[in-house]
Amino acid sequence: MRYLVYILYSEELNRFYIGHTRESINERLRKHLSAHSGYTSKAKDWILKYTETFDCKKKAYARELYIKKQKSVKFILALINSAG
């Protein structure tokens, strides 16, 4: 099974969101943009900026946590820019 780590960006909030999923990234983005009660419900302009693919959930989740623990916009922008 394929798992993705992804980074979304909201211009409205000027914030990044980092997550992981095993479902289609388009379906996951649709859920972030829909009416719900989570963090991403604060804005309706989330766009996909970055993805990484993993072969298991454990690796994807570890990567998500690693990115979050950096607490660095510079680090996130470097990831996004490296993906070209």
Protein backbone atom coordinates (compact mmCIF):
# COMPACT_ATOMS: atom_id res chain seq x y z
CA MET A 1 0.00 0.00 0.00
CA ARG A 2 1.17 3.54 -0.74
CA TYR A 3 1.25 6.33 1.84
CA LEU A 4 1.88 10.00 1.21
CA VAL A 5 3.25 12.81 3.31
CA TYR A 6 1.93 16.10 2.02
CA ILE A 7 2.27 19.80 2.64
CA LEU A 8 -0.60 22.22 2.04
CA TYR A 9 -0.43 26.00 2.05
CA SER A 10 -3.10 28.60 2.79
CA GLU A 11 -2.43 32.12 1.58
CA GLU A 12 -5.35 33.35 3.68
CA LEU A 13 -3.71 32.08 6.88
CA ASN A 14 -0.13 32.29 5.56
CA ARG A 15 0.35 28.83 7.07
CA PHE A 16 1.52 25.39 6.05
CA TYR A 17 -0.19 22.15 7.04
CA ILE A 18 1.70 18.84 7.10
CA GLY A 19 -0.11 15.51 7.06
CA HIS A 20 -0.03 11.94 5.81
CA THR A 21 -2.61 9.77 4.10
CA ARG A 22 -3.05 6.47 2.31
CA GLU A 23 -5.96 7.66 0.23
CA SER A 24 -5.85 9.64 -2.98
CA ILE A 25 -4.22 13.01 -2.39
CA ASN A 26 -7.03 14.66 -4.36
CA GLU A 27 -9.62 13.06 -2.09
CA ARG A 28 -7.67 14.11 1.00
CA LEU A 29 -7.40 17.69 -0.24
CA ARG A 30 -11.15 17.70 -0.93
CA LYS A 31 -11.75 16.69 2.69
CA HIS A 32 -9.50 19.51 3.94
CA LEU A 33 -11.49 21.97 1.86
CA SER A 34 -14.89 20.65 2.98
CA ALA A 35 -16.89 21.71 6.02
CA HIS A 36 -15.35 20.02 9.05
CA SER A 37 -14.10 20.93 12.51
CA GLY A 38 -10.34 20.45 12.17
CA TYR A 39 -7.44 22.88 11.86
CA THR A 40 -7.75 23.16 8.09
CA SER A 41 -11.37 24.30 8.37
CA LYS A 42 -10.03 27.77 9.22
CA ALA A 43 -9.37 28.44 5.51
CA LYS A 44 -10.81 27.33 2.18
CA ASP A 45 -7.81 28.09 -0.03
CA TRP A 46 -5.48 25.17 0.81
CA ILE A 47 -3.30 24.14 -2.10
CA LEU A 48 -1.00 21.15 -2.41
CA LYS A 49 2.65 22.19 -2.40
CA TYR A 50 4.58 18.96 -1.78
CA THR A 51 4.28 15.17 -1.55
CA GLU A 52 6.56 12.27 -0.65
CA THR A 53 5.63 8.61 -1.15
CA PHE A 54 6.30 5.80 1.33
CA ASP A 55 5.64 2.06 1.30
CA CYS A 56 4.31 1.89 4.86
CA LYS A 57 2.38 4.04 7.30
CA LYS A 58 5.13 3.93 9.95
CA LYS A 59 7.66 5.59 7.62
CA ALA A 60 5.17 8.18 6.40
CA TYR A 61 4.14 9.11 9.93
CA ALA A 62 7.78 9.32 11.05
CA ARG A 63 8.55 11.67 8.16
CA GLU A 64 5.49 13.81 8.95
CA LEU A 65 6.63 14.15 12.57
CA TYR A 66 10.19 14.92 11.50
CA ILE A 67 9.03 17.77 9.26
CA LYS A 68 6.76 19.13 11.99
CA LYS A 69 9.52 18.96 14.63
CA GLN A 70 11.75 21.18 12.49
CA LYS A 71 9.31 24.05 13.21
CA SER A 72 10.88 25.86 10.29
CA VAL A 73 9.30 27.58 7.32
CA LYS A 74 12.79 27.61 5.75
CA PHE A 75 12.93 23.82 6.00
CA ILE A 76 9.46 23.45 4.46
CA LEU A 77 10.26 25.87 1.64
CA ALA A 78 13.51 23.99 0.93
CA LEU A 79 11.52 20.73 0.62
CA ILE A 80 9.03 22.37 -1.71
CA ASN A 81 11.76 23.96 -3.82
CA SER A 82 13.73 20.70 -4.02
CA ALA A 83 10.71 18.99 -5.56
CA GLY A 84 10.98 21.46 -8.40
